[in-house]
Protein backbone atom coordinates (compact mmCIF):
# COMPACT_ATOMS: atom_id res chain seq x y z
CA MET A 1 140.85 50.57 61.97
CA ALA A 2 141.05 46.91 60.61
CA GLU A 3 144.63 45.87 59.81
CA THR A 4 146.01 45.92 56.23
CA SER A 5 148.38 44.06 54.33
CA ASN A 6 150.47 47.16 54.79
CA THR A 7 150.55 46.93 58.61
CA PRO A 8 154.12 45.83 59.87
CA HIS A 9 154.23 42.52 61.96
CA VAL A 10 155.88 41.96 65.36
CA LEU A 11 155.87 38.46 65.08
CA LYS A 12 157.61 36.30 62.37
CA SER A 13 156.22 33.41 60.63
CA GLN A 14 156.61 30.05 62.50
CA ALA A 15 159.44 27.78 60.64
CA ASN A 16 158.50 24.45 59.78
CA TRP A 17 161.91 22.80 61.28
CA ASP A 18 160.80 19.23 60.26
CA ALA A 19 160.85 20.69 56.51
CA LEU A 20 164.59 21.75 57.07
CA TYR A 21 167.06 19.39 55.65
CA PHE A 22 169.80 20.48 58.71
CA TYR A 23 167.11 19.80 61.14
CA GLN A 24 166.12 16.21 59.58
CA LYS A 25 169.75 15.26 59.30
CA SER A 26 170.13 16.24 63.30
CA ASP A 27 167.53 13.86 64.01
CA VAL A 28 169.52 11.23 62.08
CA ILE A 29 172.70 11.97 64.13
CA TYR A 30 171.14 12.04 67.44
CA GLN A 31 169.54 8.54 66.65
CA LEU A 32 172.91 7.29 64.98
CA ALA A 33 174.89 8.51 67.98
CA PHE A 34 172.45 6.77 70.60
CA ALA A 35 172.66 3.58 68.42
CA PHE A 36 176.56 3.76 68.30
CA CYS A 37 176.97 4.10 72.07
CA GLU A 38 174.15 1.39 72.71
CA ARG A 39 176.32 -1.13 70.41
CA PHE A 40 180.09 0.15 70.93
CA ILE A 41 180.45 2.21 74.15
CA HIS A 42 180.16 0.61 77.25
CA LEU A 43 177.07 1.88 79.85
CA TYR A 44 179.32 2.27 82.82
CA LYS A 45 183.03 2.19 82.05
CA ASP A 46 183.23 5.06 79.37
CA ARG A 47 181.84 8.65 80.36
CA THR A 48 181.98 9.09 76.47
CA ARG A 49 178.57 7.70 75.97
CA ASP A 50 176.67 10.12 77.85
CA GLN A 51 178.60 12.92 76.22
CA VAL A 52 178.14 11.64 72.57
CA ILE A 53 174.44 11.20 73.37
CA GLN A 54 174.13 14.71 75.24
CA ALA A 55 176.02 16.61 72.44
CA ALA A 56 173.75 15.14 69.92
CA ARG A 57 170.70 15.81 71.72
CA SER A 58 171.79 19.42 72.26
CA CYS A 59 172.12 19.99 68.60
CA ASN A 60 168.90 18.56 67.91
CA GLN A 61 166.86 20.23 70.64
CA ASN A 62 168.57 23.74 70.09
CA ILE A 63 167.55 23.65 66.63
CA VAL A 64 163.98 23.23 67.51
CA GLU A 65 164.14 25.96 70.43
CA GLY A 66 165.83 28.43 68.17
CA LEU A 67 163.80 28.09 65.47
CA ALA A 68 160.59 28.11 68.04
CA ASP A 69 162.06 31.52 69.31
CA GLY A 70 162.73 32.84 66.24
CA VAL A 71 159.00 33.87 65.86
CA ALA A 72 159.55 36.60 68.42
CA SER A 73 163.54 36.98 68.74
CA THR A 74 166.00 36.79 65.82
CA GLU A 75 168.80 37.53 68.42
CA MET A 76 167.61 34.34 70.48
CA GLN A 77 167.26 32.26 67.28
CA LEU A 78 170.90 33.09 66.52
CA LYS A 79 172.24 32.40 70.04
CA LEU A 80 170.39 29.06 70.05
CA LEU A 81 171.26 27.42 66.53
CA ASN A 82 174.96 28.62 67.29
CA VAL A 83 174.48 26.46 70.45
CA ALA A 84 173.57 23.73 68.29
CA ARG A 85 176.43 23.98 66.07
CA ALA A 86 178.67 23.92 69.04
CA SER A 87 176.99 20.91 70.04
CA LEU A 88 177.69 19.54 66.64
CA LYS A 89 181.30 20.43 66.80
CA GLU A 90 181.74 18.50 70.10
CA LEU A 91 180.04 15.32 68.87
CA ARG A 92 181.95 15.48 65.64
CA GLU A 93 185.12 15.64 67.58
CA ASP A 94 184.15 12.71 69.97
CA PHE A 95 183.43 10.62 66.60
CA GLU A 96 187.00 11.84 65.57
CA ASP A 97 188.77 10.78 68.55
CA TYR A 98 186.92 7.58 68.52
CA ILE A 99 188.49 6.55 65.32
CA LYS A 100 192.10 7.69 66.56
CA SER A 101 191.89 6.17 69.90
CA ARG A 102 191.06 2.78 68.16
CA HIS A 103 193.22 2.89 65.54
CA LEU A 104 190.42 3.07 62.92
CA GLN A 105 190.40 4.60 59.34
CA PHE A 106 189.02 7.55 58.22
CA PHE A 107 187.13 7.19 54.88
CA ILE A 108 189.40 9.79 52.81
CA SER A 109 188.72 11.27 49.40
CA GLY A 110 189.50 9.07 46.24
CA GLU A 111 188.22 5.56 48.14
CA PRO A 112 184.94 4.13 46.64
CA ARG A 113 183.68 4.06 50.03
CA TYR A 114 184.06 7.64 50.61
CA ALA A 115 182.24 8.95 47.25
CA ASP A 116 179.57 6.51 48.44
CA MET A 117 179.24 7.89 51.63
CA LEU A 118 179.25 11.43 50.60
CA ASP A 119 176.43 10.87 48.01
CA TYR A 120 174.33 8.95 50.51
CA CYS A 121 174.68 11.59 53.00
CA ARG A 122 174.29 14.48 50.85
CA TYR A 123 171.12 13.20 49.26
CA HIS A 124 169.20 11.36 52.09
CA ASN A 125 167.89 13.41 55.00
CA ARG A 126 165.26 11.10 56.92
CA LEU A 127 165.67 8.77 59.70
CA SER A 128 164.13 5.91 57.65
CA ASP A 129 166.76 6.29 55.08
CA TYR A 130 169.74 5.40 57.80
CA GLU A 131 167.82 3.51 60.49
CA PRO A 132 168.03 0.12 58.91
CA PHE A 133 171.98 0.42 58.63
CA PHE A 134 172.47 1.04 62.61
CA ALA A 135 172.33 -2.40 63.22
CA GLN A 136 174.72 -3.41 60.20
CA TRP A 137 177.33 -0.91 60.26
CA THR A 138 180.66 -1.42 61.70
CA ASP A 139 182.11 1.14 64.61
CA GLU A 140 184.17 2.38 61.82
CA GLN A 141 181.44 3.10 59.31
CA MET A 142 179.11 4.75 62.00
CA CYS A 143 181.77 7.00 62.97
CA ASN A 144 182.47 8.15 59.21
CA TYR A 145 178.97 8.36 58.24
CA ALA A 146 178.35 10.56 61.67
CA ILE A 147 181.06 12.72 60.84
CA THR A 148 180.38 13.33 57.08
CA LEU A 149 176.34 14.27 58.64
CA CYS A 150 178.03 16.62 61.04
CA HIS A 151 179.83 18.24 58.06
CA PHE A 152 176.69 18.81 55.98
CA ILE A 153 174.43 19.61 58.92
CA ASP A 154 177.16 22.71 59.86
CA ARG A 155 177.33 23.87 56.26
CA MET A 156 173.59 24.15 55.80
CA MET A 157 173.25 25.56 59.32
CA MET A 158 175.88 28.34 58.28
CA SER A 159 174.05 28.97 55.09
CA PHE A 160 170.76 29.45 57.21
CA LEU A 161 172.61 31.33 59.73
CA LYS A 162 173.68 33.78 57.09
CA LYS A 163 170.29 34.13 55.85
CA LEU A 164 169.12 35.17 59.50
CA GLU A 165 171.88 37.44 59.76
CA GLN A 166 170.85 39.24 56.70
CA GLU A 167 167.44 39.50 57.78
CA PHE A 168 168.30 40.80 61.29
CA ILE A 169 170.62 43.28 59.29
CA THR A 170 167.62 44.59 56.98
CA GLU A 171 164.72 44.22 59.42
CA GLY A 172 166.14 44.44 63.03
CA GLY A 173 165.20 42.75 66.24
CA ILE A 174 162.11 42.29 67.88
CA LYS A 175 162.20 45.75 69.43
CA GLU A 176 162.76 47.46 66.02
CA ARG A 177 159.82 45.50 64.65
CA MET A 178 157.79 46.60 67.37
CA HIS A 179 158.58 50.26 66.88
CA ARG A 180 157.87 50.02 63.29
CA ALA A 181 154.62 48.11 63.81
CA ARG A 182 153.49 50.85 66.46
CA THR A 183 154.74 53.68 64.42
CA GLY A 184 153.12 52.27 61.25
CA TYR A 185 149.80 51.91 63.01
CA ARG A 186 150.03 55.43 64.28
CA GLN A 187 150.69 56.75 60.88
CA GLN A 188 147.88 54.80 59.35
CA GLN A 189 145.64 56.37 62.05
CA ASP A 190 147.02 59.84 61.40
CA GLU A 191 146.57 59.37 57.52
CA ARG A 192 142.93 58.21 58.07
CA LEU A 193 142.33 61.31 60.46
CA LYS A 194 143.44 63.87 57.62
CA GLN A 195 141.43 62.08 55.23
CA LEU A 196 138.40 62.45 57.24
CA GLU A 197 139.19 65.87 58.04
CA ALA A 198 139.72 66.75 54.67
CA GLU A 199 136.42 65.04 53.46
CA PHE A 200 134.23 66.67 56.65
CA PRO A 201 133.70 69.91 54.90
CA ARG A 202 132.31 68.40 51.75
CA LEU A 203 130.19 65.87 53.65
CA LYS A 204 128.80 68.92 55.62
CA GLN A 205 127.84 70.88 52.56
CA ALA A 206 126.43 67.68 51.06
CA LEU A 207 124.35 67.29 54.30
CA ALA A 208 123.34 70.89 54.14
CA GLU A 209 122.15 70.64 50.40
CA ALA A 210 120.39 67.50 51.18
CA GLN A 211 118.41 68.95 54.03
CA ALA A 212 117.62 71.73 51.99
CA GLU A 213 116.27 69.68 49.32
CA ALA A 214 114.40 67.70 51.87
CA ALA A 215 112.80 70.89 53.34
CA LYS A 216 111.77 71.85 49.58
CA TRP A 217 110.26 68.34 49.28
CA LYS A 218 108.45 68.73 52.43
CA ALA A 219 106.97 72.12 51.68
CA ALA A 220 105.94 70.86 48.25
CA PHE A 221 104.38 67.58 49.70
CA GLU A 222 102.50 70.03 52.50
CA ASP A 223 101.11 72.22 49.57
CA LEU A 224 99.75 69.15 47.89
CA LYS A 225 98.34 67.76 50.63
CA GLN A 226 96.29 70.60 51.38
CA ARG A 227 95.20 70.98 47.85
CA ALA A 228 94.32 67.39 47.88
CA LEU A 229 92.24 67.90 51.28
CA LYS A 230 90.41 71.20 49.75
CA MET A 231 89.76 69.27 46.69
CA TYR A 232 88.46 66.52 48.98
CA TYR A 233 86.23 68.41 51.10
CA GLU A 234 84.91 70.59 47.94
CA LYS A 235 83.88 67.25 46.41
CA GLU A 236 82.51 66.03 49.51
CA GLU A 237 80.38 69.17 49.86
CA GLU A 238 79.07 68.95 46.29
CA ILE A 239 78.03 65.33 46.73
CA LYS A 240 75.97 66.08 49.89
CA ARG A 241 74.61 68.94 48.20
CA LEU A 242 73.59 67.00 45.09
CA LYS A 243 71.94 64.03 47.43
CA GLU A 244 70.02 66.80 49.25
CA LEU A 245 68.71 67.85 45.79
CA LEU A 246 67.70 64.77 44.50
CA GLY A 247 65.96 63.93 47.80
CA GLU A 248 63.88 67.19 47.45
CA GLU A 249 63.00 66.17 43.82
CA LYS A 250 61.71 62.68 44.68
CA LEU A 251 59.32 64.42 47.31
């Protein structure tokens, strides 16, 4: 039987992560972290360089992997997205430590530069919005923008995780979806079987009536056929007799 719209599904729809703001910002934070390390952290003398880049990459990649795994497993999706958040927190801590260790300043509420930074990070999500500044900002500016982006990404991901949590509570994981899908399919089969069994006596009666009607029409046809043949032969004999009669008169 063909699948209907009421048939439960095992696999969920693939999320378009490129359309999600927290993924777009995570792409920005990775590229920003890489540019920051290229400009301000020595390639060989400071191990923080690798840690910063790897933490930013882990955040970005685990978002992609988590959303991809979400097609089959909500549980795995939740785990991987939380790994992404953990990497994001590690990255934020590295930028905060950089500011502290270099005796730089955190942008704080009430400052014009803080308000400008907050508005820019809130309403700009694409790499193209930030990339032109990577070669212009000071290390202090890059750190503060990175920290702010980390806060926004974390808040957005928490909202997304809360939504996934509610879906998991109401819909369950893949095993439960598989059970519902299989059970739903069997129920549809059982209902169809009951429907057919209920219809069968009526169809059987209709067939018997049709066969009886066909037999009646067949008998009528045979009768009509025999009468037509009888009339044909009678007329044929009459024609033959008349021809013979006319032939005798000519003689």
